[in-house]
Amino acid sequence: MRAKITYFVLAAVLVVYFVLAGSRGYFLIREGTALTVTFGVAVLVLPAIGTWFLWHTTQFARKADALSAKLEAEGGLPVDELVRTPGGRIDRDSADEVFARRRAETEDAPDDWRSWFRLAVAYHDARDTPRARKAMQRAIALHEGK
């Protein structure tokens, strides 16, 4: 829940920034000189890219959350099996075992979104965000039939 609140607060701050930057770009374009129009267009590019990125990130989070709810309803959500040190760091040996099992599950059922979802969760628990994101994107694509 805390992560969702943080996400929405940051998204709202970004939207305010996009509006402010967009208005500055608009005012620069209205000036009408070659230099201000060029700067105005350049300033408008950042909010456009940011809006696109925010939209896709929000859609990704919404779809991943829907898969989580569906898997929870089926009773298939993975349990965090990673062994941690007293300081909270993940024990590398236990992580390797968990990843080996998750990868084997995914290799056994490469077209099952559930196995990809569980692999993504294992990567996320180990703080391997790039691999977690790719595995979750694969789970979403399989669930949507792509």
N, C-alpha and C. Protein backbone atom coordinates (compact mmCIF):
# COMPACT_ATOMS: atom_id res chain seq x y z
N MET A 1 0.82 -1.19 0.00
CA MET A 1 0.00 0.00 0.00
C MET A 1 0.87 1.26 0.00
N ARG A 2 1.95 1.21 0.77
CA ARG A 2 2.85 2.36 0.85
C ARG A 2 3.46 2.67 -0.51
N ALA A 3 3.80 1.61 -1.26
CA ALA A 3 4.39 1.81 -2.59
C ALA A 3 3.39 2.47 -3.54
N LYS A 4 2.12 2.10 -3.42
CA LYS A 4 1.09 2.71 -4.29
C LYS A 4 0.92 4.19 -3.97
N ILE A 5 0.92 4.52 -2.70
CA ILE A 5 0.78 5.93 -2.31
C ILE A 5 1.97 6.73 -2.84
N THR A 6 3.16 6.19 -2.66
CA THR A 6 4.35 6.86 -3.15
C THR A 6 4.28 7.04 -4.66
N TYR A 7 3.84 6.01 -5.37
CA TYR A 7 3.74 6.08 -6.83
C TYR A 7 2.77 7.18 -7.24
N PHE A 8 1.61 7.23 -6.62
CA PHE A 8 0.62 8.23 -7.01
C PHE A 8 1.06 9.65 -6.66
N VAL A 9 1.75 9.81 -5.54
CA VAL A 9 2.27 11.14 -5.19
C VAL A 9 3.32 11.59 -6.21
N LEU A 10 4.24 10.69 -6.54
CA LEU A 10 5.26 11.04 -7.52
C LEU A 10 4.65 11.28 -8.91
N ALA A 11 3.65 10.49 -9.28
CA ALA A 11 2.97 10.70 -10.56
C ALA A 11 2.29 12.06 -10.59
N ALA A 12 1.66 12.44 -9.49
CA ALA A 12 1.00 13.75 -9.42
C ALA A 12 2.02 14.88 -9.54
N VAL A 13 3.16 14.72 -8.88
CA VAL A 13 4.21 15.74 -8.97
C VAL A 13 4.71 15.84 -10.42
N LEU A 14 4.87 14.70 -11.07
CA LEU A 14 5.30 14.71 -12.46
C LEU A 14 4.28 15.40 -13.36
N VAL A 15 3.01 15.13 -13.14
CA VAL A 15 1.96 15.78 -13.95
C VAL A 15 2.01 17.29 -13.77
N VAL A 16 2.20 17.75 -12.54
CA VAL A 16 2.33 19.19 -12.29
C VAL A 16 3.54 19.74 -13.05
N TYR A 17 4.64 19.02 -12.99
CA TYR A 17 5.84 19.44 -13.73
C TYR A 17 5.56 19.50 -15.23
N PHE A 18 4.88 18.47 -15.76
CA PHE A 18 4.57 18.45 -17.20
C PHE A 18 3.72 19.65 -17.60
N VAL A 19 2.74 19.99 -16.76
CA VAL A 19 1.89 21.14 -17.05
C VAL A 19 2.70 22.43 -17.02
N LEU A 20 3.53 22.59 -16.01
CA LEU A 20 4.35 23.81 -15.91
C LEU A 20 5.34 23.91 -17.09
N ALA A 21 6.01 22.82 -17.39
CA ALA A 21 6.96 22.85 -18.51
C ALA A 21 6.23 23.07 -19.83
N GLY A 22 5.08 22.43 -19.98
CA GLY A 22 4.30 22.61 -21.20
C GLY A 22 3.83 24.04 -21.38
N SER A 23 3.43 24.67 -20.29
CA SER A 23 2.98 26.07 -20.39
C SER A 23 4.15 26.98 -20.76
N ARG A 24 5.33 26.70 -20.22
CA ARG A 24 6.51 27.50 -20.57
C ARG A 24 6.85 27.32 -22.06
N GLY A 25 6.76 26.09 -22.53
CA GLY A 25 7.00 25.84 -23.94
C GLY A 25 6.00 26.56 -24.82
N TYR A 26 4.75 26.55 -24.41
CA TYR A 26 3.69 27.24 -25.15
C TYR A 26 3.97 28.74 -25.21
N PHE A 27 4.34 29.33 -24.08
CA PHE A 27 4.63 30.77 -24.05
C PHE A 27 5.83 31.12 -24.92
N LEU A 28 6.83 30.24 -24.92
CA LEU A 28 7.99 30.48 -25.78
C LEU A 28 7.59 30.44 -27.26
N ILE A 29 6.75 29.50 -27.62
CA ILE A 29 6.30 29.40 -29.01
C ILE A 29 5.47 30.63 -29.40
N ARG A 30 4.66 31.12 -28.46
CA ARG A 30 3.83 32.30 -28.74
C ARG A 30 4.64 33.56 -29.00
N GLU A 31 5.85 33.60 -28.48
CA GLU A 31 6.71 34.77 -28.73
C GLU A 31 6.95 34.96 -30.23
N GLY A 32 7.08 33.86 -30.95
CA GLY A 32 7.13 33.92 -32.40
C GLY A 32 8.48 34.10 -33.06
N THR A 33 9.54 34.33 -32.30
CA THR A 33 10.86 34.43 -32.94
C THR A 33 11.41 33.03 -33.18
N ALA A 34 12.32 32.93 -34.10
CA ALA A 34 12.88 31.61 -34.44
C ALA A 34 13.51 30.93 -33.22
N LEU A 35 14.22 31.71 -32.44
CA LEU A 35 14.90 31.16 -31.27
C LEU A 35 13.90 30.69 -30.21
N THR A 36 12.90 31.51 -29.90
CA THR A 36 11.95 31.12 -28.86
C THR A 36 11.06 29.97 -29.31
N VAL A 37 10.71 29.92 -30.59
CA VAL A 37 9.92 28.79 -31.09
C VAL A 37 10.73 27.50 -30.99
N THR A 38 12.01 27.58 -31.35
CA THR A 38 12.88 26.39 -31.25
C THR A 38 12.98 25.92 -29.80
N PHE A 39 13.22 26.86 -28.89
CA PHE A 39 13.28 26.49 -27.47
C PHE A 39 11.93 25.97 -26.98
N GLY A 40 10.86 26.58 -27.41
CA GLY A 40 9.52 26.16 -27.00
C GLY A 40 9.23 24.73 -27.41
N VAL A 41 9.57 24.40 -28.64
CA VAL A 41 9.36 23.02 -29.12
C VAL A 41 10.24 22.06 -28.32
N ALA A 42 11.49 22.46 -28.06
CA ALA A 42 12.39 21.60 -27.28
C ALA A 42 11.85 21.39 -25.87
N VAL A 43 11.31 22.43 -25.27
CA VAL A 43 10.75 22.31 -23.92
C VAL A 43 9.52 21.41 -23.93
N LEU A 44 8.73 21.43 -24.99
CA LEU A 44 7.53 20.58 -25.07
C LEU A 44 7.85 19.10 -25.27
N VAL A 45 9.05 18.80 -25.77
CA VAL A 45 9.43 17.41 -25.99
C VAL A 45 9.54 16.65 -24.66
N LEU A 46 10.10 17.28 -23.64
CA LEU A 46 10.28 16.60 -22.35
C LEU A 46 8.95 16.18 -21.71
N PRO A 47 7.96 17.05 -21.62
CA PRO A 47 6.68 16.60 -21.08
C PRO A 47 6.02 15.51 -21.92
N ALA A 48 6.21 15.57 -23.24
CA ALA A 48 5.63 14.55 -24.11
C ALA A 48 6.26 13.18 -23.83
N ILE A 49 7.57 13.14 -23.74
CA ILE A 49 8.26 11.89 -23.43
C ILE A 49 7.89 11.42 -22.02
N GLY A 50 7.86 12.35 -21.08
CA GLY A 50 7.51 12.00 -19.70
C GLY A 50 6.09 11.46 -19.58
N THR A 51 5.16 12.06 -20.31
CA THR A 51 3.77 11.59 -20.28
C THR A 51 3.68 10.18 -20.85
N TRP A 52 4.37 9.94 -21.96
CA TRP A 52 4.39 8.60 -22.56
C TRP A 52 4.96 7.59 -21.56
N PHE A 53 6.08 7.92 -20.95
CA PHE A 53 6.72 7.02 -19.99
C PHE A 53 5.81 6.76 -18.78
N LEU A 54 5.20 7.81 -18.25
CA LEU A 54 4.31 7.66 -17.10
C LEU A 54 3.11 6.79 -17.45
N TRP A 55 2.55 6.98 -18.62
CA TRP A 55 1.40 6.18 -19.07
C TRP A 55 1.78 4.70 -19.15
N HIS A 56 2.90 4.39 -19.79
CA HIS A 56 3.31 2.99 -19.93
C HIS A 56 3.67 2.36 -18.60
N THR A 57 4.30 3.11 -17.74
CA THR A 57 4.64 2.59 -16.42
C THR A 57 3.38 2.31 -15.61
N THR A 58 2.41 3.20 -15.70
CA THR A 58 1.15 3.00 -14.98
C THR A 58 0.41 1.78 -15.51
N GLN A 59 0.39 1.60 -16.82
CA GLN A 59 -0.27 0.44 -17.42
C GLN A 59 0.43 -0.86 -16.99
N PHE A 60 1.75 -0.83 -16.97
CA PHE A 60 2.51 -2.00 -16.53
C PHE A 60 2.16 -2.37 -15.09
N ALA A 61 2.15 -1.36 -14.22
CA ALA A 61 1.83 -1.62 -12.81
C ALA A 61 0.40 -2.12 -12.63
N ARG A 62 -0.54 -1.55 -13.38
CA ARG A 62 -1.93 -1.97 -13.30
C ARG A 62 -2.10 -3.43 -13.75
N LYS A 63 -1.45 -3.78 -14.86
CA LYS A 63 -1.55 -5.14 -15.37
C LYS A 63 -0.87 -6.15 -14.44
N ALA A 64 0.29 -5.78 -13.90
CA ALA A 64 0.98 -6.67 -12.96
C ALA A 64 0.14 -6.87 -11.70
N ASP A 65 -0.50 -5.81 -11.24
CA ASP A 65 -1.36 -5.91 -10.06
C ASP A 65 -2.56 -6.81 -10.34
N ALA A 66 -3.11 -6.72 -11.54
CA ALA A 66 -4.24 -7.59 -11.91
C ALA A 66 -3.81 -9.05 -11.94
N LEU A 67 -2.62 -9.33 -12.46
CA LEU A 67 -2.12 -10.70 -12.47
C LEU A 67 -1.91 -11.21 -11.05
N SER A 68 -1.40 -10.32 -10.20
CA SER A 68 -1.19 -10.69 -8.80
C SER A 68 -2.51 -11.06 -8.13
N ALA A 69 -3.54 -10.27 -8.37
CA ALA A 69 -4.85 -10.55 -7.77
C ALA A 69 -5.42 -11.86 -8.29
N LYS A 70 -5.24 -12.10 -9.58
CA LYS A 70 -5.75 -13.35 -10.18
C LYS A 70 -5.01 -14.56 -9.61
N LEU A 71 -3.69 -14.44 -9.49
CA LEU A 71 -2.90 -15.55 -8.95
C LEU A 71 -3.21 -15.78 -7.47
N GLU A 72 -3.46 -14.69 -6.75
CA GLU A 72 -3.83 -14.82 -5.34
C GLU A 72 -5.18 -15.54 -5.20
N ALA A 73 -6.11 -15.22 -6.07
CA ALA A 73 -7.42 -15.88 -6.03
C ALA A 73 -7.29 -17.37 -6.33
N GLU A 74 -6.31 -17.73 -7.14
CA GLU A 74 -6.06 -19.13 -7.46
C GLU A 74 -5.24 -19.83 -6.38
N GLY A 75 -4.71 -19.07 -5.44
CA GLY A 75 -3.86 -19.64 -4.40
C GLY A 75 -2.46 -19.95 -4.88
N GLY A 76 -1.99 -19.25 -5.92
CA GLY A 76 -0.70 -19.56 -6.51
C GLY A 76 0.38 -18.52 -6.31
N LEU A 77 0.13 -17.56 -5.42
CA LEU A 77 1.17 -16.55 -5.19
C LEU A 77 2.40 -17.19 -4.56
N PRO A 78 3.59 -16.82 -5.02
CA PRO A 78 4.80 -17.40 -4.45
C PRO A 78 5.10 -16.85 -3.07
N VAL A 79 5.78 -17.66 -2.29
CA VAL A 79 6.22 -17.26 -0.97
C VAL A 79 7.68 -16.83 -1.08
N ASP A 80 8.07 -15.80 -0.35
CA ASP A 80 9.46 -15.35 -0.36
C ASP A 80 10.29 -16.43 0.35
N GLU A 81 11.05 -17.18 -0.43
CA GLU A 81 11.85 -18.29 0.11
C GLU A 81 13.31 -17.90 0.31
N LEU A 82 13.65 -16.68 0.03
CA LEU A 82 15.05 -16.28 0.10
C LEU A 82 15.50 -16.14 1.56
N VAL A 83 16.64 -16.75 1.85
CA VAL A 83 17.22 -16.66 3.18
C VAL A 83 17.98 -15.35 3.28
N ARG A 84 17.79 -14.65 4.38
CA ARG A 84 18.43 -13.35 4.55
C ARG A 84 19.40 -13.39 5.74
N THR A 85 20.42 -12.58 5.63
CA THR A 85 21.37 -12.44 6.73
C THR A 85 20.71 -11.58 7.81
N PRO A 86 21.28 -11.54 9.01
CA PRO A 86 20.70 -10.68 10.06
C PRO A 86 20.60 -9.22 9.64
N GLY A 87 21.46 -8.78 8.73
CA GLY A 87 21.42 -7.40 8.24
C GLY A 87 20.38 -7.18 7.15
N GLY A 88 19.72 -8.26 6.70
CA GLY A 88 18.67 -8.14 5.69
C GLY A 88 19.12 -8.45 4.27
N ARG A 89 20.39 -8.71 4.09
CA ARG A 89 20.87 -9.05 2.74
C ARG A 89 20.49 -10.48 2.39
N ILE A 90 20.34 -10.71 1.12
CA ILE A 90 19.95 -12.05 0.66
C ILE A 90 21.17 -12.95 0.59
N ASP A 91 21.01 -14.15 1.12
CA ASP A 91 22.07 -15.15 1.06
C ASP A 91 22.16 -15.63 -0.39
N ARG A 92 23.30 -15.48 -1.00
CA ARG A 92 23.49 -15.77 -2.42
C ARG A 92 23.18 -17.23 -2.74
N ASP A 93 23.58 -18.17 -1.87
CA ASP A 93 23.35 -19.59 -2.13
C ASP A 93 21.85 -19.92 -2.16
N SER A 94 21.10 -19.37 -1.21
CA SER A 94 19.66 -19.65 -1.20
C SER A 94 18.99 -19.00 -2.40
N ALA A 95 19.48 -17.83 -2.80
CA ALA A 95 18.91 -17.15 -3.97
C ALA A 95 19.15 -17.98 -5.22
N ASP A 96 20.34 -18.55 -5.36
CA ASP A 96 20.64 -19.37 -6.53
C ASP A 96 19.72 -20.58 -6.60
N GLU A 97 19.43 -21.18 -5.44
CA GLU A 97 18.52 -22.34 -5.40
C GLU A 97 17.10 -21.94 -5.82
N VAL A 98 16.63 -20.82 -5.30
CA VAL A 98 15.28 -20.35 -5.63
C VAL A 98 15.20 -20.02 -7.11
N PHE A 99 16.20 -19.32 -7.63
CA PHE A 99 16.18 -18.97 -9.05
C PHE A 99 16.25 -20.21 -9.93
N ALA A 100 17.04 -21.19 -9.52
CA ALA A 100 17.13 -22.43 -10.30
C ALA A 100 15.76 -23.11 -10.36
N ARG A 101 15.05 -23.15 -9.23
CA ARG A 101 13.71 -23.77 -9.23
C ARG A 101 12.73 -22.96 -10.08
N ARG A 102 12.77 -21.65 -9.95
CA ARG A 102 11.85 -20.80 -10.72
C ARG A 102 12.15 -20.88 -12.22
N ARG A 103 13.46 -20.89 -12.56
CA ARG A 103 13.81 -21.00 -13.98
C ARG A 103 13.40 -22.35 -14.53
N ALA A 104 13.59 -23.42 -13.75
CA ALA A 104 13.19 -24.75 -14.19
C ALA A 104 11.67 -24.80 -14.39
N GLU A 105 10.93 -24.18 -13.49
CA GLU A 105 9.47 -24.12 -13.62
C GLU A 105 9.09 -23.38 -14.91
N THR A 106 9.80 -22.31 -15.19
CA THR A 106 9.53 -21.52 -16.39
C THR A 106 9.92 -22.28 -17.65
N GLU A 107 11.02 -23.01 -17.60
CA GLU A 107 11.44 -23.81 -18.75
C GLU A 107 10.48 -24.97 -19.00
N ASP A 108 9.93 -25.54 -17.93
CA ASP A 108 8.96 -26.63 -18.07
C ASP A 108 7.64 -26.14 -18.65
N ALA A 109 7.28 -24.90 -18.35
CA ALA A 109 6.02 -24.34 -18.85
C ALA A 109 6.29 -22.93 -19.39
N PRO A 110 6.97 -22.84 -20.54
CA PRO A 110 7.35 -21.52 -21.04
C PRO A 110 6.19 -20.65 -21.50
N ASP A 111 5.03 -21.24 -21.70
CA ASP A 111 3.86 -20.48 -22.14
C ASP A 111 2.87 -20.21 -21.02
N ASP A 112 3.28 -20.49 -19.78
CA ASP A 112 2.40 -20.27 -18.63
C ASP A 112 2.78 -18.95 -17.96
N TRP A 113 1.87 -18.01 -17.96
CA TRP A 113 2.15 -16.70 -17.38
C TRP A 113 2.43 -16.80 -15.89
N ARG A 114 1.85 -17.82 -15.24
CA ARG A 114 2.04 -17.96 -13.79
C ARG A 114 3.49 -18.23 -13.43
N SER A 115 4.15 -19.09 -14.21
CA SER A 115 5.56 -19.39 -13.92
C SER A 115 6.43 -18.15 -14.15
N TRP A 116 6.13 -17.37 -15.18
CA TRP A 116 6.88 -16.14 -15.43
C TRP A 116 6.62 -15.12 -14.32
N PHE A 117 5.39 -15.08 -13.83
CA PHE A 117 5.07 -14.17 -12.74
C PHE A 117 5.88 -14.53 -11.49
N ARG A 118 5.91 -15.82 -11.16
CA ARG A 118 6.67 -16.26 -9.98
C ARG A 118 8.16 -15.99 -10.14
N LEU A 119 8.68 -16.16 -11.36
CA LEU A 119 10.08 -15.84 -11.62
C LEU A 119 10.33 -14.35 -11.43
N ALA A 120 9.41 -13.52 -11.90
CA ALA A 120 9.54 -12.07 -11.74
C ALA A 120 9.56 -11.70 -10.26
N VAL A 121 8.72 -12.34 -9.47
CA VAL A 121 8.68 -12.05 -8.03
C VAL A 121 10.00 -12.44 -7.37
N ALA A 122 10.55 -13.57 -7.77
CA ALA A 122 11.84 -14.01 -7.21
C ALA A 122 12.94 -12.99 -7.54
N TYR A 123 12.96 -12.53 -8.79
CA TYR A 123 13.93 -11.51 -9.17
C TYR A 123 13.71 -10.22 -8.38
N HIS A 124 12.46 -9.84 -8.21
CA HIS A 124 12.14 -8.62 -7.46
C HIS A 124 12.60 -8.74 -6.01
N ASP A 125 12.34 -9.89 -5.41
CA ASP A 125 12.76 -10.11 -4.02
C ASP A 125 14.28 -10.01 -3.88
N ALA A 126 14.99 -10.40 -4.94
CA ALA A 126 16.45 -10.34 -4.91
C ALA A 126 16.98 -8.99 -5.37
N ARG A 127 16.09 -8.03 -5.60
CA ARG A 127 16.43 -6.67 -6.01
C ARG A 127 17.09 -6.63 -7.40
N ASP A 128 16.73 -7.59 -8.26
CA ASP A 128 17.21 -7.61 -9.64
C ASP A 128 16.09 -7.05 -10.52
N THR A 129 15.95 -5.72 -10.49
CA THR A 129 14.83 -5.05 -11.14
C THR A 129 14.76 -5.27 -12.65
N PRO A 130 15.87 -5.16 -13.39
CA PRO A 130 15.76 -5.36 -14.84
C PRO A 130 15.21 -6.73 -15.22
N ARG A 131 15.71 -7.77 -14.58
CA ARG A 131 15.21 -9.12 -14.89
C ARG A 131 13.78 -9.31 -14.40
N ALA A 132 13.46 -8.73 -13.26
CA ALA A 132 12.08 -8.82 -12.74
C ALA A 132 11.11 -8.18 -13.72
N ARG A 133 11.48 -7.02 -14.24
CA ARG A 133 10.61 -6.31 -15.17
C ARG A 133 10.42 -7.09 -16.46
N LYS A 134 11.50 -7.65 -17.00
CA LYS A 134 11.40 -8.44 -18.23
C LYS A 134 10.54 -9.68 -18.03
N ALA A 135 10.73 -10.35 -16.90
CA ALA A 135 9.92 -11.54 -16.63
C ALA A 135 8.44 -11.18 -16.45
N MET A 136 8.17 -10.05 -15.79
CA MET A 136 6.78 -9.62 -15.62
C MET A 136 6.18 -9.20 -16.95
N GLN A 137 6.96 -8.54 -17.80
CA GLN A 137 6.46 -8.18 -19.13
C GLN A 137 6.09 -9.43 -19.91
N ARG A 138 6.89 -10.46 -19.77
CA ARG A 138 6.60 -11.74 -20.45
C ARG A 138 5.33 -12.36 -19.89
N ALA A 139 5.17 -12.32 -18.58
CA ALA A 139 3.95 -12.85 -17.95
C ALA A 139 2.71 -12.10 -18.44
N ILE A 140 2.80 -10.79 -18.52
CA ILE A 140 1.68 -9.98 -19.00
C ILE A 140 1.35 -10.30 -20.44
N ALA A 141 2.39 -10.40 -21.27
CA ALA A 141 2.17 -10.71 -22.69
C ALA A 141 1.53 -12.09 -22.86
N LEU A 142 1.99 -13.07 -22.10
CA LEU A 142 1.38 -14.41 -22.18
C LEU A 142 -0.06 -14.39 -21.70
N HIS A 143 -0.33 -13.67 -20.65
CA HIS A 143 -1.70 -13.59 -20.13
C HIS A 143 -2.63 -12.94 -21.14
N GLU A 144 -2.12 -11.95 -21.86
CA GLU A 144 -2.93 -11.25 -22.85
C GLU A 144 -2.98 -11.99 -24.18
N GLY A 145 -2.26 -13.12 -24.26
CA GLY A 145 -2.29 -13.92 -25.48
C GLY A 145 -1.40 -13.41 -26.59
N LYS A 146 -0.39 -12.66 -26.24
CA LYS A 146 0.53 -12.11 -27.26
C LYS A 146 1.74 -12.98 -27.40
